[in-house]
Amino acid sequence: MTGTERTRRTRWVAGSAVALAVLFAGAATVASARDDGAGEHVSAAGSAPGTPATDSADAGFARDMAVHHQQAVEMSFIVRDRTRDEDVRRFAYDIANTQANQRGMLLGWLDLWELPKVSAGQEPMAWMDGQHAGHDMDDMDGMEGKSGMSGMSGHGGGYQAHDGSLMPGMATRTELGRLREASGKQAEILYLQLMTDHHKGGIDMARGCADLCAVKAEKRLAQSMVDAQRSELDAMAQMLAERGAAPRD
């Protein structure tokens, strides 16, 4: 088997593993949501029990975080092809596998609730507007301010989508292009910096769901995202320091 054939086989196996993770996550999600009483959730209209409303925090978080996670998966597979550093490659694969799995769960809930995966006319993170603004962010150790993201805490209404970056923390098309063109240590540093910003935006959104979502399984998933991604922020800061770099201002 030639080197090119081995590379193609490795990519196929990695891609298949993530696809299977999404498939099984979606199936497991249906069962967990039913067990947690998703069908008893009161809609935003406030009358009869039913599935979450299209404009509810539950549905909004599921839609927005699925989009947010998809970019993390994309960036992780890009860097796996741009560096031979096994620590970064392993870290990137763990993020891709975890977030693809979680994305499958989020999309599975939307299917279960028979809600659209895209809400026409609704801005990203609109479900957080006016409800999460008073959240105490002190225990984030000033991380949002250091990355220029303090203005997005509480809601997405103040975030101006630009160059393909739809929500706080998301990389722009220009940044993704730079990542595809970089290699070696340069690619490692850029990936870790972009993913640090990405995690900070994701953590704020997940904390919003932990506060506002009504479906217990979804609230638990959101809190697990907060815990895991905060731990990964520490790991990325260490990896950047080892490469003579730091998170972006």
Protein backbone atom coordinates (compact mmCIF):
# COMPACT_ATOMS: atom_id res chain seq x y z
CA MET A 1 0.00 0.00 0.00
CA THR A 2 1.46 3.39 -1.01
CA GLY A 3 1.69 6.38 1.32
CA THR A 4 -1.16 8.10 -0.53
CA GLU A 5 -3.37 5.04 -0.17
CA ARG A 6 -2.63 4.85 3.56
CA THR A 7 -3.53 8.52 3.97
CA ARG A 8 -6.81 8.06 2.13
CA ARG A 9 -7.62 4.99 4.20
CA THR A 10 -6.87 6.86 7.44
CA ARG A 11 -9.14 9.74 6.43
CA TRP A 12 -11.92 7.33 5.44
CA VAL A 13 -11.70 5.47 8.76
CA ALA A 14 -11.65 8.71 10.76
CA GLY A 15 -14.58 10.13 8.81
CA SER A 16 -16.54 6.90 9.18
CA ALA A 17 -15.95 6.86 12.94
CA VAL A 18 -17.37 10.38 13.28
CA ALA A 19 -20.33 9.56 11.03
CA LEU A 20 -21.14 6.49 13.13
CA ALA A 21 -20.83 8.58 16.30
CA VAL A 22 -23.45 10.99 14.93
CA LEU A 23 -25.76 8.13 13.95
CA PHE A 24 -25.62 6.39 17.33
CA ALA A 25 -25.83 9.70 19.20
CA GLY A 26 -29.04 10.54 17.37
CA ALA A 27 -30.60 7.21 18.28
CA ALA A 28 -29.53 7.48 21.92
CA THR A 29 -30.86 11.02 22.06
CA VAL A 30 -34.39 9.98 21.15
CA ALA A 31 -34.45 7.49 24.00
CA SER A 32 -32.95 9.86 26.57
CA ALA A 33 -35.24 12.75 25.64
CA ARG A 34 -38.31 10.53 25.93
CA ASP A 35 -37.17 9.22 29.31
CA ASP A 36 -36.61 12.78 30.51
CA GLY A 37 -40.13 13.84 29.61
CA ALA A 38 -39.41 15.98 26.56
CA GLY A 39 -42.96 15.29 25.46
CA GLU A 40 -44.28 16.98 28.62
CA HIS A 41 -42.47 20.26 28.06
CA VAL A 42 -44.78 23.28 27.88
CA SER A 43 -44.41 25.25 24.67
CA ALA A 44 -43.53 28.94 24.62
CA ALA A 45 -47.16 29.65 23.84
CA GLY A 46 -47.80 28.59 27.45
CA SER A 47 -50.93 26.48 27.06
CA ALA A 48 -51.12 22.76 26.37
CA PRO A 49 -48.18 20.46 27.09
CA GLY A 50 -46.21 19.59 23.99
CA THR A 51 -42.77 19.64 22.42
CA PRO A 52 -40.56 22.73 22.79
CA ALA A 53 -41.67 25.64 20.64
CA THR A 54 -39.61 26.69 17.63
CA ASP A 55 -38.51 29.86 19.43
CA SER A 56 -37.77 28.15 22.76
CA ALA A 57 -34.35 28.03 24.38
CA ASP A 58 -34.33 24.24 23.91
CA ALA A 59 -34.81 24.44 20.15
CA GLY A 60 -32.63 27.51 19.70
CA PHE A 61 -29.71 25.98 21.56
CA ALA A 62 -29.99 22.71 19.65
CA ARG A 63 -29.92 24.54 16.30
CA ASP A 64 -27.18 27.02 17.14
CA MET A 65 -24.85 24.63 18.92
CA ALA A 66 -25.17 22.12 16.07
CA VAL A 67 -23.83 24.81 13.71
CA HIS A 68 -21.14 25.86 16.20
CA HIS A 69 -20.01 22.25 16.69
CA GLN A 70 -19.87 21.57 12.96
CA GLN A 71 -17.17 24.19 12.54
CA ALA A 72 -15.13 22.73 15.41
CA VAL A 73 -15.25 19.34 13.67
CA GLU A 74 -14.19 20.96 10.39
CA MET A 75 -11.24 22.79 11.96
CA SER A 76 -10.10 19.66 13.78
CA PHE A 77 -9.95 17.60 10.59
CA ILE A 78 -8.13 20.42 8.79
CA VAL A 79 -5.34 20.51 11.37
CA ARG A 80 -4.99 16.72 11.39
CA ASP A 81 -3.93 17.03 7.74
CA ARG A 82 -1.64 20.03 8.34
CA THR A 83 0.63 18.72 11.10
CA ARG A 84 2.40 15.53 12.10
CA ASP A 85 2.46 16.42 15.80
CA GLU A 86 0.73 13.48 17.47
CA ASP A 87 -0.37 15.45 20.55
CA VAL A 88 -2.21 18.03 18.45
CA ARG A 89 -3.60 15.39 16.07
CA ARG A 90 -4.91 13.32 18.98
CA PHE A 91 -6.39 16.37 20.69
CA ALA A 92 -8.06 17.47 17.45
CA TYR A 93 -9.51 14.03 16.84
CA ASP A 94 -10.93 13.92 20.38
CA ILE A 95 -12.66 17.27 19.82
CA ALA A 96 -13.99 16.18 16.41
CA ASN A 97 -15.34 12.91 17.77
CA THR A 98 -16.90 14.47 20.89
CA GLN A 99 -18.52 17.40 19.12
CA ALA A 100 -19.79 15.28 16.21
CA ASN A 101 -21.40 12.99 18.79
CA GLN A 102 -22.99 15.91 20.62
CA ARG A 103 -24.14 17.44 17.33
CA GLY A 104 -25.90 14.19 16.52
CA MET A 105 -27.72 14.40 19.84
CA LEU A 106 -28.83 17.98 19.22
CA LEU A 107 -30.11 17.22 15.73
CA GLY A 108 -31.78 14.10 17.09
CA TRP A 109 -33.78 16.22 19.53
CA LEU A 110 -34.94 18.50 16.75
CA ASP A 111 -36.07 15.45 14.76
CA LEU A 112 -37.85 14.07 17.82
CA TRP A 113 -39.61 17.39 18.38
CA GLU A 114 -40.40 17.67 14.64
CA LEU A 115 -38.85 21.14 14.58
CA PRO A 116 -36.84 22.68 11.72
CA LYS A 117 -33.06 22.52 11.91
CA VAL A 118 -32.95 26.06 10.52
CA SER A 119 -35.30 28.75 11.79
CA ALA A 120 -36.02 31.26 9.04
CA GLY A 121 -36.04 34.85 10.20
CA GLN A 122 -34.55 34.14 13.65
CA GLU A 123 -31.09 35.48 14.41
CA PRO A 124 -28.53 33.07 15.89
CA MET A 125 -28.68 33.02 19.69
CA ALA A 126 -31.87 35.10 19.76
CA TRP A 127 -33.17 32.59 22.32
CA MET A 128 -30.68 34.08 24.82
CA ASP A 129 -31.78 37.70 24.35
CA GLY A 130 -32.75 39.48 27.56
CA GLN A 131 -32.71 36.31 29.64
CA HIS A 132 -29.05 35.52 30.20
CA ALA A 133 -27.71 39.06 30.33
CA GLY A 134 -27.31 39.09 34.08
CA HIS A 135 -25.19 35.95 34.20
CA ASP A 136 -22.18 36.23 36.47
CA MET A 137 -19.12 35.65 34.32
CA ASP A 138 -16.49 36.20 37.02
CA ASP A 139 -15.67 32.51 37.31
CA MET A 140 -14.58 32.49 33.68
CA ASP A 141 -11.39 34.18 34.98
CA GLY A 142 -11.77 37.07 32.56
CA MET A 143 -11.32 34.79 29.57
CA GLU A 144 -14.02 36.44 27.47
CA GLY A 145 -12.55 39.87 27.98
CA LYS A 146 -9.09 38.64 27.01
CA SER A 147 -10.39 37.34 23.71
CA GLY A 148 -12.47 40.43 22.97
CA MET A 149 -15.68 38.51 23.58
CA SER A 150 -17.06 40.20 26.69
CA GLY A 151 -19.67 42.01 24.58
CA MET A 152 -21.28 38.76 23.56
CA SER A 153 -22.02 37.54 27.07
CA GLY A 154 -25.72 37.24 27.68
CA HIS A 155 -27.03 37.13 24.11
CA GLY A 156 -26.11 36.99 20.48
CA GLY A 157 -27.97 40.16 19.53
CA GLY A 158 -24.87 42.32 19.93
CA TYR A 159 -22.73 40.08 17.72
CA GLN A 160 -22.31 41.16 14.13
CA ALA A 161 -22.08 38.12 11.84
CA HIS A 162 -19.28 38.58 9.32
CA ASP A 163 -17.21 36.62 6.82
CA GLY A 164 -18.95 33.34 7.67
CA SER A 165 -18.65 33.78 11.44
CA LEU A 166 -22.29 33.46 12.51
CA MET A 167 -21.86 33.37 16.28
CA PRO A 168 -19.32 34.43 18.92
CA GLY A 169 -16.19 32.29 18.83
CA MET A 170 -16.71 31.01 15.30
CA ALA A 171 -13.79 31.39 12.89
CA THR A 172 -14.23 33.45 9.73
CA ARG A 173 -13.84 32.08 6.22
CA THR A 174 -10.56 34.01 6.00
CA GLU A 175 -9.25 32.35 9.16
CA LEU A 176 -10.27 28.91 7.94
CA GLY A 177 -8.42 29.63 4.70
CA ARG A 178 -5.30 30.53 6.66
CA LEU A 179 -5.57 27.29 8.63
CA ARG A 180 -5.82 25.25 5.42
CA GLU A 181 -2.71 26.93 4.06
CA ALA A 182 -0.61 26.69 7.24
CA SER A 183 1.47 23.67 8.16
CA GLY A 184 3.49 22.28 11.03
CA LYS A 185 3.91 24.48 14.09
CA GLN A 186 2.17 27.43 12.41
CA ALA A 187 -0.95 25.31 11.81
CA GLU A 188 -0.84 23.96 15.37
CA ILE A 189 -0.72 27.44 16.91
CA LEU A 190 -3.46 28.86 14.68
CA TYR A 191 -5.72 25.87 15.34
CA LEU A 192 -5.25 26.11 19.11
CA GLN A 193 -5.94 29.85 19.05
CA LEU A 194 -9.04 29.50 16.87
CA MET A 195 -10.34 26.61 18.95
CA THR A 196 -9.74 28.56 22.16
CA ASP A 197 -11.96 31.37 20.85
CA HIS A 198 -14.45 28.77 19.62
CA HIS A 199 -14.68 27.11 23.05
CA LYS A 200 -15.19 30.44 24.82
CA GLY A 201 -18.16 31.26 22.59
CA GLY A 202 -19.51 27.74 23.00
CA ILE A 203 -19.21 27.83 26.79
CA ASP A 204 -21.27 30.99 27.05
CA MET A 205 -23.98 29.50 24.84
CA ALA A 206 -23.99 26.23 26.79
CA ARG A 207 -24.29 28.09 30.08
CA GLY A 208 -27.29 29.88 28.62
CA CYS A 209 -28.98 26.56 27.93
CA ALA A 210 -28.05 25.19 31.35
CA ASP A 211 -29.97 28.16 32.78
CA LEU A 212 -32.83 28.46 30.29
CA CYS A 213 -33.53 25.09 28.68
CA ALA A 214 -36.40 23.02 30.07
CA VAL A 215 -35.57 19.49 28.84
CA LYS A 216 -33.47 17.84 31.55
CA ALA A 217 -31.33 15.78 29.18
CA GLU A 218 -30.46 18.90 27.19
CA LYS A 219 -29.60 20.87 30.32
CA ARG A 220 -27.28 18.04 31.41
CA LEU A 221 -25.62 17.96 28.00
CA ALA A 222 -25.12 21.74 28.08
CA GLN A 223 -23.49 21.59 31.52
CA SER A 224 -21.23 18.74 30.41
CA MET A 225 -20.12 20.94 27.48
CA VAL A 226 -19.23 23.74 29.89
CA ASP A 227 -17.20 21.43 32.13
CA ALA A 228 -15.37 19.62 29.33
CA GLN A 229 -14.56 22.69 27.26
CA ARG A 230 -13.24 24.62 30.24
CA SER A 231 -10.87 21.75 30.89
CA GLU A 232 -9.85 21.78 27.23
CA LEU A 233 -9.17 25.53 27.43
CA ASP A 234 -6.55 24.80 30.09
CA ALA A 235 -5.03 22.08 27.93
CA MET A 236 -4.87 24.37 24.89
CA ALA A 237 -3.27 27.18 26.89
CA GLN A 238 -0.56 24.73 27.95
CA MET A 239 -0.05 23.47 24.40
CA LEU A 240 0.25 27.04 23.12
CA ALA A 241 2.79 27.88 25.82
CA GLU A 242 4.85 24.86 24.79
CA ARG A 243 4.97 26.34 21.28
CA GLY A 244 5.93 29.83 22.45
CA ALA A 245 2.46 31.24 21.82
CA ALA A 246 -0.65 32.28 23.73
CA PRO A 247 -4.39 32.71 23.15
CA ARG A 248 -5.25 35.67 20.93
CA ASP A 249 -6.16 39.09 22.37
